[in-house]
Amino acid sequence: MRLFLNRLSVLTKRSFINPAMYVMFGVIIIMAALVIFVPEKETSIYIPIALINQDDSKETDEIVDSLCSMNSVFDFYEVEDEEELYLDLASGKANAGYIFPAGFSEHITENSSRYSVKQVETPGSRFILLSREEVFRVFYKYSARNIICETFAEYGYEVDVHDPDLERIFGKYINDASLFALESIEGSVYNEITRSEKIPIPLYKFAGFFIFTAALLGTLAFLNDQDNRIYLRFGLFERIYLGLIQVAVFTVPSYVISVICFLASGTEFKFLHVTVYTLLVTLLGFVLGTIMTILPIRSNRSRIFSAVLPVYLILSFIFSGILMDLTNFGSVLKTLSRIFPPSMF
């Protein structure tokens, strides 16, 4: 037992005197610092559109809420009244404006401009048709089925509001020209408003590669001990346990440093995901080392593994998602990337 505990202590110390571990620790800490201290970059990729909701119906509230929360080149935002909307347009703060009048949802099937959405623009407004399409698309999502049901009901036909074919025939009864009442006002030439964004730093992806690299270093240490016949002093169960510990003493510090960097930098992550990934690559490192020990190889297995290791690490880095977005890969490359665990982190 004393020999076993002594060996466990040696394995732990070995991980902390490995220079590669300190290099990786330093790199991931620097990347976390960059996430914190790199200044935000001003971008002008969105176009503000002012909205007024004068209707108190649930349907119109949902349409406006959906527009304001959507991920689009248009940044829809609500204003309190028409005076504020016209001031935003005249000053160039907003590119265009849309007003949902009172009673809009109740009379939406009536072909009357009295209940139309009012689109307001200035001579400097741009992308008016595109912003109108966004408004119309969201309106269509919430209103298409009810409009068709009411139209058929006028002719004495009962239609199921959940019938998927309703959306296909919706365009026969209403279009954006009949939905919008247009108005122009004088104002300054519209200037795009910028927003601040941080340059994306792949801290999360790098941590996955970092933990996996630590597991491979543990595998190399495990094979080196096998070549030196150190594990012959232990029974089968102790060999398995020490083999796993050998890899774990490399991956656990990497796991801890990564989690600390995530917390310090505010990077979004899931404890369970990181923990399960660390356990899986630890097990993978041990299995890989075990396979190497049972292969009929006469020369030192650790020497062979250390020769192949740089190539495999380079490929793992390429397929980790740090340099390239894996979603843009073809089906063949996506399948190939699964050979490298960092691609799944």
Protein backbone atom coordinates (compact mmCIF):
# COMPACT_ATOMS: atom_id res chain seq x y z
CA MET A 1 0.00 0.00 0.00
CA ARG A 2 2.86 2.36 0.80
CA LEU A 3 4.40 1.67 -2.60
CA PHE A 4 1.05 2.32 -4.25
CA LEU A 5 0.60 5.69 -2.49
CA ASN A 6 4.17 6.64 -3.27
CA ARG A 7 3.58 5.89 -6.92
CA LEU A 8 0.41 7.98 -6.91
CA SER A 9 2.37 10.91 -5.46
CA VAL A 10 5.02 10.56 -8.16
CA LEU A 11 2.39 10.61 -10.90
CA THR A 12 0.84 13.79 -9.53
CA LYS A 13 4.17 15.59 -9.25
CA ARG A 14 5.07 14.56 -12.79
CA SER A 15 2.12 16.45 -14.23
CA PHE A 16 3.16 19.66 -12.46
CA ILE A 17 6.77 19.57 -13.65
CA ASN A 18 5.83 19.01 -17.31
CA PRO A 19 6.77 22.20 -19.23
CA ALA A 20 4.01 21.69 -21.79
CA MET A 21 1.40 21.96 -19.03
CA TYR A 22 2.67 25.38 -18.00
CA VAL A 23 2.74 26.56 -21.60
CA MET A 24 -0.91 25.54 -22.01
CA PHE A 25 -1.83 27.07 -18.65
CA GLY A 26 -0.23 30.34 -19.73
CA VAL A 27 -1.93 30.41 -23.14
CA ILE A 28 -5.43 29.77 -21.84
CA ILE A 29 -5.01 32.33 -19.06
CA ILE A 30 -3.83 34.92 -21.61
CA MET A 31 -6.84 34.13 -23.83
CA ALA A 32 -9.17 34.57 -20.86
CA ALA A 33 -7.52 37.93 -20.15
CA LEU A 34 -8.09 38.94 -23.78
CA VAL A 35 -11.78 38.12 -23.46
CA ILE A 36 -11.93 40.45 -20.44
CA PHE A 37 -9.70 43.33 -21.52
CA VAL A 38 -9.94 43.51 -25.31
CA PRO A 39 -12.05 46.62 -26.04
CA GLU A 40 -15.34 46.37 -27.84
CA LYS A 41 -15.40 47.08 -31.55
CA GLU A 42 -17.88 49.51 -33.05
CA THR A 43 -19.92 48.00 -35.88
CA SER A 44 -22.65 49.49 -38.06
CA ILE A 45 -24.39 46.37 -39.24
CA TYR A 46 -27.88 47.00 -37.93
CA ILE A 47 -30.65 49.39 -38.94
CA PRO A 48 -32.94 50.78 -36.20
CA ILE A 49 -36.69 50.72 -36.91
CA ALA A 50 -39.11 52.44 -34.51
CA LEU A 51 -42.43 50.80 -33.61
CA ILE A 52 -45.61 52.09 -31.95
CA ASN A 53 -48.23 49.67 -30.70
CA GLN A 54 -51.55 51.48 -30.24
CA ASP A 55 -53.50 48.24 -30.21
CA ASP A 56 -54.09 46.51 -26.87
CA SER A 57 -54.71 43.02 -28.25
CA LYS A 58 -52.66 39.96 -27.40
CA GLU A 59 -52.04 39.23 -31.09
CA THR A 60 -50.52 42.66 -31.83
CA ASP A 61 -48.44 42.51 -28.63
CA GLU A 62 -46.98 39.20 -29.82
CA ILE A 63 -46.20 40.63 -33.27
CA VAL A 64 -44.38 43.65 -31.80
CA ASP A 65 -42.54 41.54 -29.18
CA SER A 66 -41.41 39.11 -31.88
CA LEU A 67 -40.09 41.97 -34.03
CA CYS A 68 -38.21 43.55 -31.11
CA SER A 69 -36.56 40.26 -30.10
CA MET A 70 -35.69 38.90 -33.54
CA ASN A 71 -32.10 38.43 -34.71
CA SER A 72 -31.95 40.52 -37.86
CA VAL A 73 -30.08 43.28 -39.61
CA PHE A 74 -33.02 45.44 -38.47
CA ASP A 75 -33.15 46.49 -34.82
CA PHE A 76 -36.85 47.03 -34.08
CA TYR A 77 -37.53 49.01 -30.91
CA GLU A 78 -40.70 50.44 -29.34
CA VAL A 79 -41.37 54.14 -28.71
CA GLU A 80 -44.08 55.66 -26.53
CA ASP A 81 -45.98 57.88 -28.99
CA GLU A 82 -46.02 59.29 -32.52
CA GLU A 83 -44.17 62.45 -31.46
CA GLU A 84 -41.18 60.39 -30.31
CA LEU A 85 -41.31 58.32 -33.50
CA TYR A 86 -41.29 61.41 -35.75
CA LEU A 87 -38.47 62.98 -33.74
CA ASP A 88 -36.36 59.80 -34.09
CA LEU A 89 -36.99 59.77 -37.84
CA ALA A 90 -36.30 63.47 -38.33
CA SER A 91 -33.07 63.31 -36.32
CA GLY A 92 -31.81 60.24 -38.17
CA LYS A 93 -31.92 58.00 -35.09
CA ALA A 94 -34.38 55.64 -36.81
CA ASN A 95 -34.39 54.57 -40.44
CA ALA A 96 -38.16 54.06 -40.64
CA GLY A 97 -41.19 53.65 -38.39
CA TYR A 98 -44.28 51.46 -38.18
CA ILE A 99 -47.48 52.27 -36.30
CA PHE A 100 -49.95 49.51 -35.35
CA PRO A 101 -53.27 51.38 -34.87
CA ALA A 102 -55.95 50.66 -32.27
CA GLY A 103 -58.32 47.92 -33.42
CA PHE A 104 -55.72 46.55 -35.83
CA SER A 105 -56.15 42.90 -34.82
CA GLU A 106 -59.96 43.09 -34.74
CA HIS A 107 -60.29 44.45 -38.28
CA ILE A 108 -57.25 42.83 -39.89
CA THR A 109 -59.38 40.95 -42.45
CA GLU A 110 -61.08 44.12 -43.65
CA ASN A 111 -59.53 45.74 -46.71
CA SER A 112 -59.49 49.25 -45.22
CA SER A 113 -56.54 51.61 -44.83
CA ARG A 114 -58.16 52.80 -41.63
CA TYR A 115 -56.79 49.74 -39.90
CA SER A 116 -53.55 49.41 -41.86
CA VAL A 117 -50.09 49.50 -40.34
CA LYS A 118 -48.69 52.94 -41.10
CA GLN A 119 -45.17 52.93 -42.52
CA VAL A 120 -43.34 56.24 -42.00
CA GLU A 121 -40.09 57.14 -43.76
CA THR A 122 -37.86 60.12 -44.58
CA PRO A 123 -35.99 60.97 -47.78
CA GLY A 124 -32.89 59.48 -46.17
CA SER A 125 -34.52 56.15 -45.28
CA ARG A 126 -33.05 53.02 -46.83
CA PHE A 127 -34.01 49.34 -47.14
CA ILE A 128 -37.69 50.24 -46.73
CA LEU A 129 -38.97 47.25 -48.69
CA LEU A 130 -36.75 44.88 -46.70
CA SER A 131 -37.96 46.20 -43.35
CA ARG A 132 -41.56 45.97 -44.59
CA GLU A 133 -40.96 42.34 -45.52
CA GLU A 134 -39.74 41.62 -41.99
CA VAL A 135 -42.86 43.20 -40.47
CA PHE A 136 -45.11 41.39 -42.93
CA ARG A 137 -43.39 38.05 -42.30
CA VAL A 138 -43.94 38.26 -38.55
CA PHE A 139 -47.51 39.47 -39.05
CA TYR A 140 -48.11 36.55 -41.42
CA LYS A 141 -46.88 34.06 -38.82
CA TYR A 142 -49.47 35.18 -36.27
CA SER A 143 -52.41 36.05 -38.50
CA ALA A 144 -52.47 33.86 -41.63
CA ARG A 145 -54.58 31.01 -40.28
CA ASN A 146 -57.23 33.22 -38.68
CA ILE A 147 -57.60 35.35 -41.80
CA ILE A 148 -58.24 32.33 -44.01
CA CYS A 149 -60.69 30.81 -41.54
CA GLU A 150 -62.69 34.04 -41.41
CA THR A 151 -62.63 34.35 -45.21
CA PHE A 152 -63.95 30.82 -45.70
CA ALA A 153 -66.53 31.35 -42.94
CA GLU A 154 -68.03 34.20 -44.97
CA TYR A 155 -68.90 31.63 -47.63
CA GLY A 156 -70.24 29.10 -45.15
CA TYR A 157 -67.21 26.83 -44.94
CA GLU A 158 -65.67 25.72 -41.66
CA VAL A 159 -61.87 25.36 -41.82
CA ASP A 160 -59.57 23.97 -39.11
CA VAL A 161 -57.32 26.78 -37.92
CA HIS A 162 -54.45 24.28 -37.51
CA ASP A 163 -54.62 23.03 -41.12
CA PRO A 164 -51.04 23.37 -42.52
CA ASP A 165 -52.41 24.10 -46.03
CA LEU A 166 -53.74 27.46 -44.84
CA GLU A 167 -50.35 29.15 -45.14
CA ARG A 168 -49.99 27.93 -48.72
CA ILE A 169 -53.16 29.71 -49.88
CA PHE A 170 -52.78 32.75 -47.64
CA GLY A 171 -51.19 34.90 -50.36
CA LYS A 172 -54.35 34.76 -52.47
CA TYR A 173 -56.21 36.93 -49.99
CA ILE A 174 -53.82 39.54 -48.65
CA ASN A 175 -50.46 41.10 -49.51
CA ASP A 176 -48.21 43.73 -48.04
CA ALA A 177 -49.54 46.42 -50.39
CA SER A 178 -53.01 46.17 -48.83
CA LEU A 179 -51.61 45.92 -45.29
CA PHE A 180 -49.47 49.09 -45.17
CA ALA A 181 -50.44 52.75 -45.38
CA LEU A 182 -47.40 54.79 -46.37
CA GLU A 183 -46.36 58.24 -45.16
CA SER A 184 -43.24 60.32 -45.73
CA ILE A 185 -41.91 63.11 -43.53
CA GLU A 186 -39.09 65.56 -43.93
CA GLY A 187 -35.98 64.77 -41.93
CA SER A 188 -32.21 64.53 -41.94
CA VAL A 189 -30.39 61.97 -44.04
CA TYR A 190 -30.34 58.71 -42.13
CA ASN A 191 -26.99 57.69 -40.61
CA GLU A 192 -26.42 54.10 -39.52
CA ILE A 193 -26.17 53.76 -35.76
CA THR A 194 -23.35 51.59 -34.50
CA ARG A 195 -23.33 49.05 -31.73
CA SER A 196 -20.44 47.65 -29.74
CA GLU A 197 -19.31 44.06 -30.12
CA LYS A 198 -16.40 42.08 -28.75
CA ILE A 199 -14.07 40.35 -31.17
CA PRO A 200 -14.91 36.64 -30.74
CA ILE A 201 -12.11 34.75 -28.97
CA PRO A 202 -12.48 30.93 -29.08
CA LEU A 203 -11.67 30.38 -25.40
CA TYR A 204 -14.17 27.54 -25.07
CA LYS A 205 -12.86 25.67 -28.11
CA PHE A 206 -9.28 26.16 -27.05
CA ALA A 207 -10.07 24.75 -23.61
CA GLY A 208 -11.40 21.59 -25.25
CA PHE A 209 -8.18 21.21 -27.21
CA PHE A 210 -6.17 22.04 -24.07
CA ILE A 211 -7.83 19.32 -21.96
CA PHE A 212 -7.44 16.75 -24.75
CA THR A 213 -3.76 17.60 -25.19
CA ALA A 214 -3.26 17.09 -21.45
CA ALA A 215 -4.88 13.65 -21.75
CA LEU A 216 -2.44 12.69 -24.52
CA LEU A 217 0.49 13.86 -22.39
CA GLY A 218 -0.85 11.59 -19.64
CA THR A 219 -1.00 8.73 -22.14
CA LEU A 220 2.62 9.36 -23.09
CA ALA A 221 3.66 9.25 -19.42
CA PHE A 222 1.63 6.06 -18.99
CA LEU A 223 3.43 4.40 -21.93
CA ASN A 224 6.80 5.55 -20.62
CA ASP A 225 6.08 3.78 -17.32
CA GLN A 226 4.99 0.70 -19.22
CA ASP A 227 8.28 0.68 -21.13
CA ASN A 228 10.15 0.94 -17.81
CA ARG A 229 8.09 -2.00 -16.46
CA ILE A 230 7.01 -0.01 -13.41
CA TYR A 231 3.49 -1.41 -13.43
CA LEU A 232 4.73 -5.00 -13.17
CA ARG A 233 4.96 -4.47 -9.41
CA PHE A 234 1.17 -4.10 -9.14
CA GLY A 235 -1.79 -6.41 -9.66
CA LEU A 236 -4.22 -6.10 -12.58
CA PHE A 237 -6.71 -3.92 -10.71
CA GLU A 238 -3.98 -1.61 -9.44
CA ARG A 239 -2.50 -1.34 -12.95
CA ILE A 240 -5.85 -0.24 -14.37
CA TYR A 241 -6.38 2.22 -11.52
CA LEU A 242 -2.91 3.69 -11.80
CA GLY A 243 -3.23 3.92 -15.58
CA LEU A 244 -6.39 5.98 -15.24
CA ILE A 245 -4.81 8.10 -12.51
CA GLN A 246 -1.77 8.70 -14.71
CA VAL A 247 -3.96 10.30 -17.38
CA ALA A 248 -6.26 12.01 -14.85
CA VAL A 249 -3.43 13.83 -13.07
CA PHE A 250 -2.86 15.64 -16.37
CA THR A 251 -6.49 16.29 -17.33
CA VAL A 252 -7.86 17.35 -13.93
CA PRO A 253 -5.55 20.41 -13.55
CA SER A 254 -6.43 21.38 -17.13
CA TYR A 255 -10.13 21.03 -16.30
CA VAL A 256 -9.78 23.20 -13.19
CA ILE A 257 -7.81 25.94 -14.98
CA SER A 258 -10.31 25.96 -17.86
CA VAL A 259 -13.31 26.30 -15.54
CA ILE A 260 -11.61 29.12 -13.61
CA CYS A 261 -10.90 30.93 -16.90
CA PHE A 262 -14.51 30.48 -18.02
CA LEU A 263 -15.79 31.94 -14.77
CA ALA A 264 -13.31 34.82 -14.71
CA SER A 265 -13.93 35.83 -18.33
CA GLY A 266 -17.71 35.41 -18.23
CA THR A 267 -17.62 32.83 -21.02
CA GLU A 268 -20.86 30.88 -21.25
CA PHE A 269 -20.32 27.20 -20.45
CA LYS A 270 -21.95 24.18 -18.79
CA PHE A 271 -20.24 22.45 -15.88
CA LEU A 272 -21.73 19.09 -16.85
CA HIS A 273 -20.54 19.36 -20.45
CA VAL A 274 -16.96 20.23 -19.45
CA THR A 275 -16.91 17.53 -16.75
CA VAL A 276 -18.24 14.75 -18.99
CA TYR A 277 -15.85 15.77 -21.78
CA THR A 278 -12.89 15.65 -19.36
CA LEU A 279 -13.91 12.20 -18.12
CA LEU A 280 -14.32 10.92 -21.68
CA VAL A 281 -10.92 12.12 -22.92
CA THR A 282 -9.33 10.72 -19.75
CA LEU A 283 -10.84 7.33 -20.50
CA LEU A 284 -9.88 7.66 -24.17
CA GLY A 285 -6.26 8.45 -23.21
CA PHE A 286 -6.12 5.38 -20.98
CA VAL A 287 -7.67 3.10 -23.64
CA LEU A 288 -5.27 4.44 -26.26
CA GLY A 289 -2.31 3.74 -23.97
CA THR A 290 -3.61 0.24 -23.17
CA ILE A 291 -3.99 -0.59 -26.88
CA MET A 292 -0.42 0.54 -27.48
CA THR A 293 0.86 -1.75 -24.69
CA ILE A 294 -0.77 -4.89 -26.11
CA LEU A 295 0.36 -4.33 -29.70
CA PRO A 296 3.22 -6.66 -30.80
CA ILE A 297 5.83 -3.91 -30.91
CA ARG A 298 9.42 -4.64 -29.90
CA SER A 299 10.70 -1.08 -29.66
CA ASN A 300 9.70 1.44 -26.98
CA ARG A 301 6.02 2.25 -27.35
CA SER A 302 6.41 5.67 -25.75
CA ARG A 303 8.95 6.61 -28.42
CA ILE A 304 6.57 5.60 -31.21
CA PHE A 305 3.68 7.46 -29.56
CA SER A 306 5.76 10.61 -29.06
CA ALA A 307 6.69 10.53 -32.78
CA VAL A 308 3.05 10.32 -33.88
CA LEU A 309 1.76 12.70 -31.20
CA PRO A 310 2.72 16.04 -32.89
CA VAL A 311 0.93 15.09 -36.12
CA TYR A 312 -2.19 14.03 -34.26
CA LEU A 313 -2.16 17.20 -32.17
CA ILE A 314 -1.88 19.38 -35.29
CA LEU A 315 -4.87 17.59 -36.85
CA SER A 316 -6.78 17.87 -33.57
CA PHE A 317 -6.08 21.61 -33.54
CA ILE A 318 -7.32 21.99 -37.11
CA PHE A 319 -10.51 20.06 -36.37
CA SER A 320 -11.08 21.71 -32.98
CA GLY A 321 -13.06 24.61 -34.44
CA ILE A 322 -10.55 27.20 -33.22
CA LEU A 323 -9.44 28.24 -36.70
CA MET A 324 -12.46 27.27 -38.81
CA ASP A 325 -16.20 26.94 -38.30
CA LEU A 326 -16.90 23.20 -38.51
CA THR A 327 -20.47 23.86 -39.69
CA ASN A 328 -19.01 25.02 -43.00
CA PHE A 329 -17.25 21.68 -43.56
CA GLY A 330 -18.55 19.18 -46.10
CA SER A 331 -20.04 15.88 -45.00
CA VAL A 332 -16.73 14.02 -45.48
CA LEU A 333 -14.74 16.50 -43.37
CA LYS A 334 -17.46 16.59 -40.70
CA THR A 335 -17.28 12.80 -40.42
CA LEU A 336 -13.48 12.95 -40.29
CA SER A 337 -13.56 15.59 -37.54
CA ARG A 338 -15.26 13.13 -35.17
CA ILE A 339 -11.97 11.26 -34.90
CA PHE A 340 -10.66 14.25 -32.96
CA PRO A 341 -12.48 14.83 -29.62
CA PRO A 342 -11.92 18.64 -29.51
CA SER A 343 -14.34 18.99 -32.44
CA MET A 344 -17.14 17.80 -30.11
CA PHE A 345 -16.39 20.28 -27.31
